Protein backbone atom coordinates (compact mmCIF):
# COMPACT_ATOMS: atom_id res chain seq x y z
CA MET A 1 58.21 32.74 -53.88
CA ALA A 2 57.15 35.86 -55.60
CA THR A 3 55.19 39.42 -54.25
CA GLU A 4 53.01 41.48 -56.41
CA ARG A 5 54.03 44.68 -55.72
CA ASP A 6 50.43 46.59 -56.69
CA THR A 7 48.74 43.71 -54.54
CA GLY A 8 50.83 42.98 -52.40
CA LYS A 9 49.77 39.20 -53.05
CA PHE A 10 52.14 36.46 -53.49
CA LYS A 11 52.59 32.83 -55.12
CA LEU A 12 54.99 29.64 -54.64
CA GLY A 13 56.13 28.97 -57.76
CA ASP A 14 56.86 25.21 -58.46
CA GLY A 15 59.21 25.35 -61.81
CA ALA A 16 56.81 24.24 -63.88
CA LYS A 17 53.51 26.03 -63.96
CA ALA A 18 53.06 29.74 -65.27
CA TRP A 19 52.17 33.01 -63.18
CA LYS A 20 48.75 32.76 -63.69
CA ASP A 21 48.40 28.82 -62.91
CA LEU A 22 50.03 29.67 -59.93
CA PRO A 23 47.46 30.40 -56.24
CA TYR A 24 47.65 32.98 -54.52
CA GLN A 25 49.18 32.03 -50.86
CA PRO A 26 46.92 32.90 -47.87
CA PHE A 27 48.15 34.87 -44.93
CA TRP A 28 48.79 33.54 -41.64
CA SER A 29 48.26 35.45 -38.41
CA ARG A 30 47.44 35.49 -34.78
CA TRP A 31 43.57 35.13 -35.68
CA GLY A 32 44.52 32.05 -38.44
CA ARG A 33 44.64 31.43 -41.89
CA ILE A 34 43.56 34.67 -43.70
CA GLU A 35 43.08 34.01 -47.41
CA GLY A 36 44.27 37.11 -49.77
CA GLN A 37 44.93 40.31 -48.03
CA ILE A 38 43.27 42.02 -45.48
CA ALA A 39 41.48 44.69 -46.71
CA ASP A 40 40.19 42.06 -49.04
CA GLN A 41 38.51 40.77 -46.59
CA PRO A 42 35.14 42.85 -45.34
CA ASP A 43 34.75 40.57 -41.71
CA ILE A 44 38.28 41.41 -41.09
CA ALA A 45 37.68 44.41 -38.74
CA ALA A 46 34.79 43.07 -37.14
CA ALA A 47 36.92 39.70 -36.45
CA LEU A 48 39.84 41.54 -34.37
CA ALA A 49 36.98 43.75 -32.36
CA LEU A 50 36.01 39.92 -30.86
CA ARG A 51 32.59 40.49 -32.97
CA LEU A 52 30.17 37.98 -34.75
CA LEU A 53 27.87 39.01 -37.08
CA LYS A 54 24.06 39.23 -36.85
CA SER A 55 23.67 38.45 -40.52
CA SER A 56 24.70 35.40 -40.03
CA ASN A 57 22.63 34.95 -37.06
CA LEU A 58 24.90 35.16 -33.93
CA SER A 59 25.43 38.71 -32.01
CA ASP A 60 27.36 41.60 -30.93
CA LEU A 61 30.08 40.52 -28.48
CA ALA A 62 31.39 43.27 -27.47
CA ASP A 63 27.88 44.95 -25.94
CA ILE A 64 26.43 41.47 -23.79
CA VAL A 65 22.74 43.30 -23.73
CA ALA A 66 22.71 43.80 -27.26
CA ALA A 67 24.25 40.23 -27.87
CA ARG A 68 20.64 38.69 -26.31
CA ALA A 69 18.83 41.16 -27.27
CA ASN A 70 20.01 40.23 -31.12
CA LEU A 71 19.68 36.91 -30.51
CA GLY A 72 15.59 36.79 -28.75
CA LEU A 73 16.71 35.92 -25.58
CA LYS A 74 14.79 37.15 -22.29
CA ALA A 75 15.84 37.52 -18.26
CA LEU A 76 15.78 33.89 -17.78
CA ALA A 77 18.76 33.58 -20.12
CA LEU A 78 20.46 35.24 -16.78
CA ARG A 79 19.91 32.37 -14.14
CA ASP A 80 21.21 29.38 -13.44
CA THR A 81 17.71 28.27 -11.59
CA VAL A 82 13.94 28.70 -11.98
CA ASN A 83 12.09 29.50 -8.79
CA GLY A 84 8.14 30.03 -8.21
CA ASN A 85 8.89 34.16 -8.66
CA ASP A 86 10.05 33.46 -12.78
CA TRP A 87 6.55 32.02 -13.23
CA ASN A 88 3.49 34.14 -14.91
CA GLY A 89 2.08 31.31 -16.71
CA ALA A 90 -1.01 29.63 -17.12
CA ASP A 91 -1.48 26.47 -13.63
CA LEU A 92 -0.03 23.73 -14.90
CA ALA A 93 -2.93 21.01 -15.50
CA ILE A 94 -3.41 17.77 -12.85
CA ALA A 95 -2.83 16.02 -16.55
CA ASP A 96 0.69 17.40 -16.95
CA GLY A 97 2.01 16.94 -13.55
CA GLY A 98 0.36 20.28 -11.92
CA THR A 99 -1.84 21.02 -9.66
CA GLY A 100 -3.93 22.85 -11.95
CA ALA A 101 -4.04 26.21 -9.33
CA SER A 102 -1.82 28.65 -8.40
CA THR A 103 -3.00 29.05 -4.47
CA ALA A 104 -2.86 26.05 -1.59
CA PRO A 105 -6.70 25.58 -1.32
CA VAL A 106 -7.62 25.69 -4.79
CA ALA A 107 -4.73 23.08 -5.17
CA ARG A 108 -6.55 20.56 -2.22
CA ASN A 109 -9.56 21.42 -3.78
CA ASN A 110 -8.26 19.75 -7.47
CA LEU A 111 -6.34 16.97 -6.06
CA GLY A 112 -9.85 16.22 -3.97
CA LEU A 113 -8.17 16.38 -0.49
CA GLY A 114 -10.32 17.20 2.76
CA THR A 115 -9.30 19.15 5.48
CA ALA A 116 -6.98 16.28 7.07
CA ALA A 117 -4.78 17.57 4.77
CA THR A 118 -3.40 20.19 6.23
CA ALA A 119 -3.91 18.76 9.87
CA ASN A 120 -0.77 16.98 11.94
CA THR A 121 -1.03 14.01 13.57
CA GLY A 122 -1.43 13.83 17.26
CA THR A 123 -2.87 12.18 20.01
CA ASP A 124 -4.99 15.41 21.45
CA GLY A 125 -6.57 18.87 20.15
CA ALA A 126 -7.04 19.76 16.34
CA VAL A 127 -5.10 17.07 14.78
CA VAL A 128 -5.67 13.97 12.97
CA THR A 129 -5.47 11.15 15.62
CA LEU A 130 -3.16 8.23 15.88
CA ALA A 131 -4.18 4.90 15.62
CA SER A 132 -1.40 3.66 17.64
CA GLY A 133 -1.57 6.38 20.01
CA ALA A 134 -3.71 6.76 23.30
CA ASN A 135 -5.83 9.53 21.82
CA ILE A 136 -7.98 11.80 23.93
CA TRP A 137 -11.47 13.06 22.35
CA ARG A 138 -12.44 16.48 23.96
CA ALA A 139 -15.95 16.06 21.98
CA LEU A 140 -18.72 13.19 21.80
CA GLN A 141 -17.58 10.60 19.64
CA THR A 142 -19.91 8.19 18.30
CA PHE A 143 -19.36 4.69 17.20
CA LEU A 144 -21.57 2.81 14.37
CA ALA A 145 -20.31 -0.88 14.96
CA SER A 146 -22.10 -2.88 16.69
CA THR A 147 -19.41 -4.60 18.36
CA VAL A 148 -16.60 -2.72 19.32
CA THR A 149 -13.87 -4.84 20.72
CA GLY A 150 -10.03 -5.42 22.40
CA GLY A 151 -9.14 -4.60 25.98
CA ALA A 152 -10.47 -3.15 29.28
CA ALA A 153 -12.23 -0.66 28.51
CA TRP A 154 -10.98 2.99 30.69
CA ILE A 155 -13.66 5.41 31.45
CA HIS A 156 -12.80 8.78 33.65
CA ASN A 157 -13.43 12.25 34.25
CA SER A 158 -9.80 13.42 35.08
CA ILE A 159 -10.64 16.75 32.83
CA ALA A 160 -14.31 17.47 33.71
CA GLY A 161 -15.16 18.87 36.72
CA PRO A 162 -16.22 16.57 39.73
CA GLY A 163 -19.90 15.34 39.55
CA ALA A 164 -19.92 15.05 35.71
CA ARG A 165 -20.96 11.90 34.14
CA ALA A 166 -17.71 9.74 33.26
CA LEU A 167 -19.40 7.48 30.51
CA ILE A 168 -22.99 7.93 29.07
CA VAL A 169 -24.47 4.72 26.67
CA SER A 170 -27.37 5.62 24.84
CA THR A 171 -29.65 3.74 22.35
CA ALA A 172 -29.98 5.84 20.07
CA ASP A 173 -33.79 7.84 20.36
CA ALA A 174 -36.98 7.56 21.23
CA THR A 175 -37.65 4.55 18.35
CA ASP A 176 -34.54 2.78 20.15
CA SER A 177 -37.19 2.77 23.41
CA ALA A 178 -37.76 -0.80 24.16
CA ARG A 179 -33.91 -1.66 23.57
CA GLY A 180 -31.79 -2.44 26.62
CA PHE A 181 -28.44 -1.45 27.61
CA ASP A 182 -25.99 -4.78 28.66
CA VAL A 183 -23.15 -4.83 30.81
CA ARG A 184 -21.56 -8.77 30.52
CA SER A 185 -18.70 -10.61 31.92
CA ASN A 186 -16.65 -13.02 29.92
CA ASN A 187 -15.43 -15.04 33.64
CA SER A 188 -18.55 -16.82 33.16
CA GLY A 189 -17.41 -19.20 30.90
CA ILE A 190 -21.32 -18.46 29.26
CA ALA A 191 -21.09 -18.08 25.46
CA GLY A 192 -21.37 -13.52 25.33
CA GLY A 193 -20.74 -13.46 29.31
CA ALA A 194 -23.26 -14.01 31.94
CA SER A 195 -25.36 -10.07 32.33
CA VAL A 196 -24.16 -8.54 35.71
CA PHE A 197 -25.51 -4.83 34.92
CA SER A 198 -28.83 -3.92 32.69
CA VAL A 199 -31.17 -1.34 32.02
CA GLY A 200 -34.05 -2.36 29.90
CA GLY A 201 -36.08 -0.44 27.72
CA SER A 202 -38.80 0.14 30.56
CA GLY A 203 -35.67 2.04 32.25
CA ILE A 204 -35.77 -0.72 34.69
CA THR A 205 -32.14 -1.48 36.03
CA ARG A 206 -30.92 -4.78 37.11
CA THR A 207 -28.07 -6.13 38.84
CA ARG A 208 -26.89 -9.35 40.11
CA ASN A 209 -24.59 -8.38 42.89
CA LEU A 210 -24.62 -4.36 43.88
CA ASN A 211 -21.77 -3.67 46.51
CA LEU A 212 -21.61 -0.18 48.22
CA SER A 213 -18.78 -0.92 50.54
CA ASN A 214 -17.39 2.88 49.54
CA LEU A 215 -20.82 4.60 49.81
CA ALA A 216 -20.61 8.17 51.53
CA THR A 217 -21.64 7.45 54.73
CA TYR A 218 -23.15 10.43 56.40
CA ALA A 219 -25.07 10.58 60.04
CA THR A 220 -28.62 12.55 58.75
CA ASP A 221 -30.29 13.78 55.26
CA GLY A 222 -28.54 17.56 55.91
CA ALA A 223 -25.29 16.38 56.74
CA ALA A 224 -25.69 14.78 53.53
CA GLY A 225 -26.89 18.18 51.75
CA THR A 226 -24.29 20.02 53.63
CA ALA A 227 -21.26 17.59 52.18
CA GLY A 228 -22.93 18.11 48.28
CA LEU A 229 -25.34 15.38 48.13
CA VAL A 230 -28.79 16.34 45.79
CA ALA A 231 -32.45 15.08 46.09
CA GLY A 232 -31.59 11.35 44.74
CA ASP A 233 -28.41 11.01 45.85
CA LEU A 234 -28.35 7.76 47.46
CA TYR A 235 -25.68 7.43 51.01
CA LYS A 236 -25.84 5.00 53.89
CA THR A 237 -25.86 6.28 57.86
CA THR A 238 -23.48 4.84 60.75
CA THR A 239 -25.60 2.28 61.11
CA GLY A 240 -25.75 0.74 57.81
CA GLU A 241 -28.90 2.34 56.54
CA LEU A 242 -29.54 2.24 52.98
CA ARG A 243 -30.81 6.36 52.22
CA ILE A 244 -31.83 8.34 49.06
CA LYS A 245 -30.79 12.02 50.01
CA LEU A 246 -34.48 13.89 49.66
């Protein structure tokens, strides 16, 4: 081993080659293998300061903010997750998996959703009614089907005040005045059931059997009026006479 006093470099002889033909040996340090002298290495000072050169397309690691700026990184580079507050670009189109909108109403419109999309399911109130629930209808309902089938129909006016109509059957408008309303019983064994109660288009009411056992009883017309009956109401007397309130 021989060292040059003027340069500080050294070589290892092999017993055969001349000095000029032998390679200089590298220095070893805590930073790894360094070729030649430290003074001959232009990047050693930066390496000792734990710096990587921007000229090598890296950044100044001694200054994190400067490093991000050198690499062109923005604020999102600091975040582990991204949420809506980080988004200020154009609305993502439906074709790209978005809604094409930045507000809920516009998004629903773009997706073709109606007002039912914002309603909860339920059986009462402003909700989407459940087909499997006992729904409460608080407004007039119109059914256009000519036949409604199922179990027994129960109509009551527990919500409405006393005297309110529990069931109204209409034949639509004046053009249907000739059409009657018919209640039939399937207990008769006749296909379609036997008519037990009907109202003709002319307004004539017909019934096969009429039971008035629960009709209110009043002694006089005045007593019926005092009890709340109005003109046209039907009642019976204590002697079994059938009367109409005048």
